[in-house]
PDB file of all heavy atoms in Angstrom:
ATOM      1  N   SER A   1       5.037-108.748  -3.358  1.00  0.00           N
ATOM      2  CA  SER A   1       4.403-107.479  -3.028  1.00  0.00           C
ATOM      3  C   SER A   1       4.837-107.029  -1.655  1.00  0.00           C
ATOM      4  O   SER A   1       5.199-107.829  -0.798  1.00  0.00           O
ATOM      5  CB  SER A   1       2.875-107.624  -3.074  1.00  0.00           C
ATOM      6  OG  SER A   1       2.467-108.626  -2.178  1.00  0.00           O
ATOM      7  N   GLU A   2       4.792-105.745  -1.450  1.00  0.00           N
ATOM      8  CA  GLU A   2       5.193-105.193  -0.165  1.00  0.00           C
ATOM      9  C   GLU A   2       4.103-105.416   0.879  1.00  0.00           C
ATOM     10  O   GLU A   2       2.926-105.455   0.572  1.00  0.00           O
ATOM     11  CB  GLU A   2       5.466-103.694  -0.297  1.00  0.00           C
ATOM     12  CG  GLU A   2       6.673-103.381  -1.170  1.00  0.00           C
ATOM     13  CD  GLU A   2       6.933-101.899  -1.194  1.00  0.00           C
ATOM     14  OE1 GLU A   2       6.059-101.178  -1.689  1.00  0.00           O
ATOM     15  OE2 GLU A   2       7.984-101.466  -0.725  1.00  0.00           O
ATOM     16  N   ASP A   3       4.501-105.563   2.101  1.00  0.00           N
ATOM     17  CA  ASP A   3       3.559-105.702   3.201  1.00  0.00           C
ATOM     18  C   ASP A   3       3.601-104.421   4.012  1.00  0.00           C
ATOM     19  O   ASP A   3       4.207-104.339   5.058  1.00  0.00           O
ATOM     20  CB  ASP A   3       3.946-106.912   4.057  1.00  0.00           C
ATOM     21  CG  ASP A   3       2.920-107.177   5.145  1.00  0.00           C
ATOM     22  OD1 ASP A   3       1.793-106.643   5.034  1.00  0.00           O
ATOM     23  OD2 ASP A   3       3.253-107.901   6.081  1.00  0.00           O
ATOM     24  N   GLU A   4       2.961-103.391   3.454  1.00  0.00           N
ATOM     25  CA  GLU A   4       2.986-102.100   4.108  1.00  0.00           C
ATOM     26  C   GLU A   4       1.584-101.711   4.525  1.00  0.00           C
ATOM     27  O   GLU A   4       0.608-102.276   4.033  1.00  0.00           O
ATOM     28  CB  GLU A   4       3.556-101.042   3.152  1.00  0.00           C
ATOM     29  CG  GLU A   4       2.719-100.853   1.895  1.00  0.00           C
ATOM     30  CD  GLU A   4       3.373 -99.889   0.918  1.00  0.00           C
ATOM     31  OE1 GLU A   4       4.603 -99.889   0.798  1.00  0.00           O
ATOM     32  OE2 GLU A   4       2.617 -99.133   0.275  1.00  0.00           O
ATOM     33  N   PRO A   5       1.440-100.780   5.445  1.00  0.00           N
ATOM     34  CA  PRO A   5       0.100-100.401   5.891  1.00  0.00           C
ATOM     35  C   PRO A   5      -0.733 -99.885   4.727  1.00  0.00           C
ATOM     36  O   PRO A   5      -0.221 -99.294   3.781  1.00  0.00           O
ATOM     37  CB  PRO A   5       0.370 -99.300   6.921  1.00  0.00           C
ATOM     38  CG  PRO A   5       1.775 -99.522   7.344  1.00  0.00           C
ATOM     39  CD  PRO A   5       2.495-100.068   6.146  1.00  0.00           C
ATOM     40  N   PRO A   6      -2.044-100.140   4.764  1.00  0.00           N
ATOM     41  CA  PRO A   6      -2.904 -99.656   3.676  1.00  0.00           C
ATOM     42  C   PRO A   6      -2.940 -98.149   3.625  1.00  0.00           C
ATOM     43  O   PRO A   6      -2.818 -97.468   4.635  1.00  0.00           O
ATOM     44  CB  PRO A   6      -4.278-100.235   4.031  1.00  0.00           C
ATOM     45  CG  PRO A   6      -4.229-100.430   5.510  1.00  0.00           C
ATOM     46  CD  PRO A   6      -2.811-100.795   5.824  1.00  0.00           C
ATOM     47  N   ASP A   7      -3.158 -97.669   2.388  1.00  0.00           N
ATOM     48  CA  ASP A   7      -3.284 -96.223   2.189  1.00  0.00           C
ATOM     49  C   ASP A   7      -4.747 -95.861   2.351  1.00  0.00           C
ATOM     50  O   ASP A   7      -5.547 -96.007   1.438  1.00  0.00           O
ATOM     51  CB  ASP A   7      -2.783 -95.877   0.777  1.00  0.00           C
ATOM     52  CG  ASP A   7      -3.001 -94.411   0.439  1.00  0.00           C
ATOM     53  OD1 ASP A   7      -3.281 -93.625   1.370  1.00  0.00           O
ATOM     54  OD2 ASP A   7      -2.887 -94.079  -0.741  1.00  0.00           O
ATOM     55  N   ASP A   8      -5.116 -95.424   3.555  1.00  0.00           N
ATOM     56  CA  ASP A   8      -6.535 -95.130   3.760  1.00  0.00           C
ATOM     57  C   ASP A   8      -6.893 -93.731   3.289  1.00  0.00           C
ATOM     58  O   ASP A   8      -8.061 -93.397   3.167  1.00  0.00           O
ATOM     59  CB  ASP A   8      -6.908 -95.303   5.238  1.00  0.00           C
ATOM     60  CG  ASP A   8      -6.210 -94.316   6.145  1.00  0.00           C
ATOM     61  OD1 ASP A   8      -5.261 -93.646   5.696  1.00  0.00           O
ATOM     62  OD2 ASP A   8      -6.629 -94.214   7.300  1.00  0.00           O
ATOM     63  N   GLY A   9      -5.906 -92.895   3.058  1.00  0.00           N
ATOM     64  CA  GLY A   9      -6.164 -91.597   2.466  1.00  0.00           C
ATOM     65  C   GLY A   9      -6.933 -90.650   3.336  1.00  0.00           C
ATOM     66  O   GLY A   9      -7.361 -89.606   2.886  1.00  0.00           O
ATOM     67  N   GLY A  10      -7.132 -90.991   4.592  1.00  0.00           N
ATOM     68  CA  GLY A  10      -7.841 -90.053   5.465  1.00  0.00           C
ATOM     69  C   GLY A  10      -9.325 -90.085   5.232  1.00  0.00           C
ATOM     70  O   GLY A  10      -9.903 -91.085   4.889  1.00  0.00           O
ATOM     71  N   GLY A  11      -9.969 -88.970   5.387  1.00  0.00           N
ATOM     72  CA  GLY A  11     -11.425 -88.873   5.301  1.00  0.00           C
ATOM     73  C   GLY A  11     -11.925 -88.096   6.490  1.00  0.00           C
ATOM     74  O   GLY A  11     -11.423 -88.238   7.596  1.00  0.00           O
ATOM     75  N   ASP A  12     -12.929 -87.255   6.284  1.00  0.00           N
ATOM     76  CA  ASP A  12     -13.324 -86.355   7.358  1.00  0.00           C
ATOM     77  C   ASP A  12     -14.631 -86.721   8.029  1.00  0.00           C
ATOM     78  O   ASP A  12     -15.066 -86.019   8.923  1.00  0.00           O
ATOM     79  CB  ASP A  12     -13.422 -84.918   6.810  1.00  0.00           C
ATOM     80  CG  ASP A  12     -14.396 -84.794   5.661  1.00  0.00           C
ATOM     81  OD1 ASP A  12     -15.077 -85.785   5.338  1.00  0.00           O
ATOM     82  OD2 ASP A  12     -14.461 -83.701   5.089  1.00  0.00           O
ATOM     83  N   ASP A  13     -15.275 -87.804   7.566  1.00  0.00           N
ATOM     84  CA  ASP A  13     -16.562 -88.085   8.196  1.00  0.00           C
ATOM     85  C   ASP A  13     -16.648 -89.496   8.741  1.00  0.00           C
ATOM     86  O   ASP A  13     -17.715 -89.963   9.082  1.00  0.00           O
ATOM     87  CB  ASP A  13     -17.722 -87.842   7.221  1.00  0.00           C
ATOM     88  CG  ASP A  13     -17.639 -88.721   5.992  1.00  0.00           C
ATOM     89  OD1 ASP A  13     -16.648 -89.458   5.876  1.00  0.00           O
ATOM     90  OD2 ASP A  13     -18.561 -88.672   5.174  1.00  0.00           O
ATOM     91  N   GLY A  14     -15.522 -90.156   8.864  1.00  0.00           N
ATOM     92  CA  GLY A  14     -15.554 -91.493   9.446  1.00  0.00           C
ATOM     93  C   GLY A  14     -16.317 -92.468   8.595  1.00  0.00           C
ATOM     94  O   GLY A  14     -16.554 -92.255   7.425  1.00  0.00           O
ATOM     95  N   GLY A  15     -16.715 -93.557   9.169  1.00  0.00           N
ATOM     96  CA  GLY A  15     -17.465 -94.559   8.418  1.00  0.00           C
ATOM     97  C   GLY A  15     -17.752 -95.748   9.279  1.00  0.00           C
ATOM     98  O   GLY A  15     -17.294 -95.862  10.398  1.00  0.00           O
ATOM     99  N   GLY A  16     -18.517 -96.656   8.763  1.00  0.00           N
ATOM    100  CA  GLY A  16     -18.874 -97.858   9.490  1.00  0.00           C
ATOM    101  C   GLY A  16     -19.094 -98.986   8.536  1.00  0.00           C
ATOM    102  O   GLY A  16     -18.952 -98.839   7.337  1.00  0.00           O
ATOM    103  N   GLY A  17     -19.439-100.106   9.036  1.00  0.00           N
ATOM    104  CA  GLY A  17     -19.585-101.257   8.174  1.00  0.00           C
ATOM    105  C   GLY A  17     -20.869-101.988   8.423  1.00  0.00           C
ATOM    106  O   GLY A  17     -21.899-101.400   8.684  1.00  0.00           O
ATOM    107  N   ASP A  18     -20.783-103.339   8.364  1.00  0.00           N
ATOM    108  CA  ASP A  18     -21.986-104.123   8.590  1.00  0.00           C
ATOM    109  C   ASP A  18     -21.851-104.848   9.914  1.00  0.00           C
ATOM    110  O   ASP A  18     -21.085-104.464  10.769  1.00  0.00           O
ATOM    111  CB  ASP A  18     -22.247-105.086   7.412  1.00  0.00           C
ATOM    112  CG  ASP A  18     -21.160-106.147   7.291  1.00  0.00           C
ATOM    113  OD1 ASP A  18     -20.244-106.145   8.133  1.00  0.00           O
ATOM    114  OD2 ASP A  18     -21.250-106.968   6.371  1.00  0.00           O
ATOM    115  N   ASP A  19     -22.598-105.942  10.067  1.00  0.00           N
ATOM    116  CA  ASP A  19     -22.618-106.604  11.358  1.00  0.00           C
ATOM    117  C   ASP A  19     -21.682-107.806  11.422  1.00  0.00           C
ATOM    118  O   ASP A  19     -21.805-108.658  12.278  1.00  0.00           O
ATOM    119  CB  ASP A  19     -24.034-107.050  11.710  1.00  0.00           C
ATOM    120  CG  ASP A  19     -24.598-107.980  10.656  1.00  0.00           C
ATOM    121  OD1 ASP A  19     -23.888-108.250   9.664  1.00  0.00           O
ATOM    122  OD2 ASP A  19     -25.735-108.438  10.837  1.00  0.00           O
ATOM    123  N   GLY A  20     -20.750-107.902  10.507  1.00  0.00           N
ATOM    124  CA  GLY A  20     -19.804-109.006  10.541  1.00  0.00           C
ATOM    125  C   GLY A  20     -18.646-108.756   9.631  1.00  0.00           C
ATOM    126  O   GLY A  20     -18.514-107.699   9.031  1.00  0.00           O
ATOM    127  N   THR A  21     -17.781-109.742   9.502  1.00  0.00           N
ATOM    128  CA  THR A  21     -16.636-109.592   8.610  1.00  0.00           C
ATOM    129  C   THR A  21     -17.066-109.814   7.181  1.00  0.00           C
ATOM    130  O   THR A  21     -18.017-110.539   6.901  1.00  0.00           O
ATOM    131  CB  THR A  21     -15.549-110.608   8.972  1.00  0.00           C
ATOM    132  OG1 THR A  21     -16.102-111.922   8.861  1.00  0.00           O
ATOM    133  CG2 THR A  21     -15.046-110.380  10.388  1.00  0.00           C
ATOM    134  N   GLY A  22     -16.357-109.187   6.264  1.00  0.00           N
ATOM    135  CA  GLY A  22     -16.700-109.322   4.856  1.00  0.00           C
ATOM    136  C   GLY A  22     -16.228-110.641   4.295  1.00  0.00           C
ATOM    137  O   GLY A  22     -15.121-111.090   4.574  1.00  0.00           O
ATOM    138  N   GLY A  23     -17.074-111.283   3.497  1.00  0.00           N
ATOM    139  CA  GLY A  23     -16.728-112.558   2.879  1.00  0.00           C
ATOM    140  C   GLY A  23     -15.916-112.363   1.626  1.00  0.00           C
ATOM    141  O   GLY A  23     -15.588-111.251   1.222  1.00  0.00           O
ATOM    142  N   GLY A  24     -15.611-113.465   0.965  1.00  0.00           N
ATOM    143  CA  GLY A  24     -14.814-113.404  -0.255  1.00  0.00           C
ATOM    144  C   GLY A  24     -15.689-113.355  -1.473  1.00  0.00           C
ATOM    145  O   GLY A  24     -16.896-113.295  -1.397  1.00  0.00           O
ATOM    146  N   ASP A  25     -15.012-113.411  -2.641  1.00  0.00           N
ATOM    147  CA  ASP A  25     -15.788-113.339  -3.866  1.00  0.00           C
ATOM    148  C   ASP A  25     -15.446-114.467  -4.815  1.00  0.00           C
ATOM    149  O   ASP A  25     -16.092-115.481  -4.835  1.00  0.00           O
ATOM    150  CB  ASP A  25     -15.577-111.982  -4.531  1.00  0.00           C
ATOM    151  CG  ASP A  25     -16.484-111.779  -5.715  1.00  0.00           C
ATOM    152  OD1 ASP A  25     -17.550-112.398  -5.742  1.00  0.00           O
ATOM    153  OD2 ASP A  25     -16.124-111.008  -6.600  1.00  0.00           O
ATOM    154  N   GLU A  26     -14.400-114.333  -5.567  1.00  0.00           N
ATOM    155  CA  GLU A  26     -14.229-115.201  -6.728  1.00  0.00           C
ATOM    156  C   GLU A  26     -12.979-116.070  -6.661  1.00  0.00           C
ATOM    157  O   GLU A  26     -12.269-116.210  -7.640  1.00  0.00           O
ATOM    158  CB  GLU A  26     -14.164-114.346  -8.001  1.00  0.00           C
ATOM    159  CG  GLU A  26     -15.232-113.287  -8.112  1.00  0.00           C
ATOM    160  CD  GLU A  26     -16.613-113.877  -8.162  1.00  0.00           C
ATOM    161  OE1 GLU A  26     -16.756-115.054  -8.514  1.00  0.00           O
ATOM    162  OE2 GLU A  26     -17.562-113.167  -7.837  1.00  0.00           O
ATOM    163  N   ALA A  27     -12.672-116.685  -5.553  1.00  0.00           N
ATOM    164  CA  ALA A  27     -11.410-117.395  -5.424  1.00  0.00           C
ATOM    165  C   ALA A  27     -11.209-118.407  -6.543  1.00  0.00           C
ATOM    166  O   ALA A  27     -10.202-118.399  -7.226  1.00  0.00           O
ATOM    167  CB  ALA A  27     -11.356-118.104  -4.073  1.00  0.00           C
ATOM    168  N   GLU A  28     -12.193-119.291  -6.766  1.00  0.00           N
ATOM    169  CA  GLU A  28     -11.974-120.346  -7.737  1.00  0.00           C
ATOM    170  C   GLU A  28     -12.124-119.842  -9.159  1.00  0.00           C
ATOM    171  O   GLU A  28     -11.808-120.550 -10.103  1.00  0.00           O
ATOM    172  CB  GLU A  28     -12.956-121.492  -7.485  1.00  0.00           C
ATOM    173  CG  GLU A  28     -14.406-121.127  -7.694  1.00  0.00           C
ATOM    174  CD  GLU A  28     -15.317-122.304  -7.425  1.00  0.00           C
ATOM    175  OE1 GLU A  28     -15.580-123.046  -8.378  1.00  0.00           O
ATOM    176  OE2 GLU A  28     -15.741-122.488  -6.282  1.00  0.00           O
ATOM    177  N   ASP A  29     -12.635-118.613  -9.331  1.00  0.00           N
ATOM    178  CA  ASP A  29     -12.827-118.075 -10.672  1.00  0.00           C
ATOM    179  C   ASP A  29     -11.672-117.206 -11.103  1.00  0.00           C
ATOM    180  O   ASP A  29     -11.529-116.905 -12.282  1.00  0.00           O
ATOM    181  CB  ASP A  29     -14.120-117.249 -10.718  1.00  0.00           C
ATOM    182  CG  ASP A  29     -15.303-118.091 -10.317  1.00  0.00           C
ATOM    183  OD1 ASP A  29     -15.375-119.244 -10.731  1.00  0.00           O
ATOM    184  OD2 ASP A  29     -16.133-117.577  -9.556  1.00  0.00           O
TER     185      ASP A  29
END
């Protein structure tokens, strides 16, 4: 796969997240 910058597609109202980094989900599944 290519290692290119993500396509964030812009957006006009910004955004935010939570109070930490996001964890994973289903690695072993």
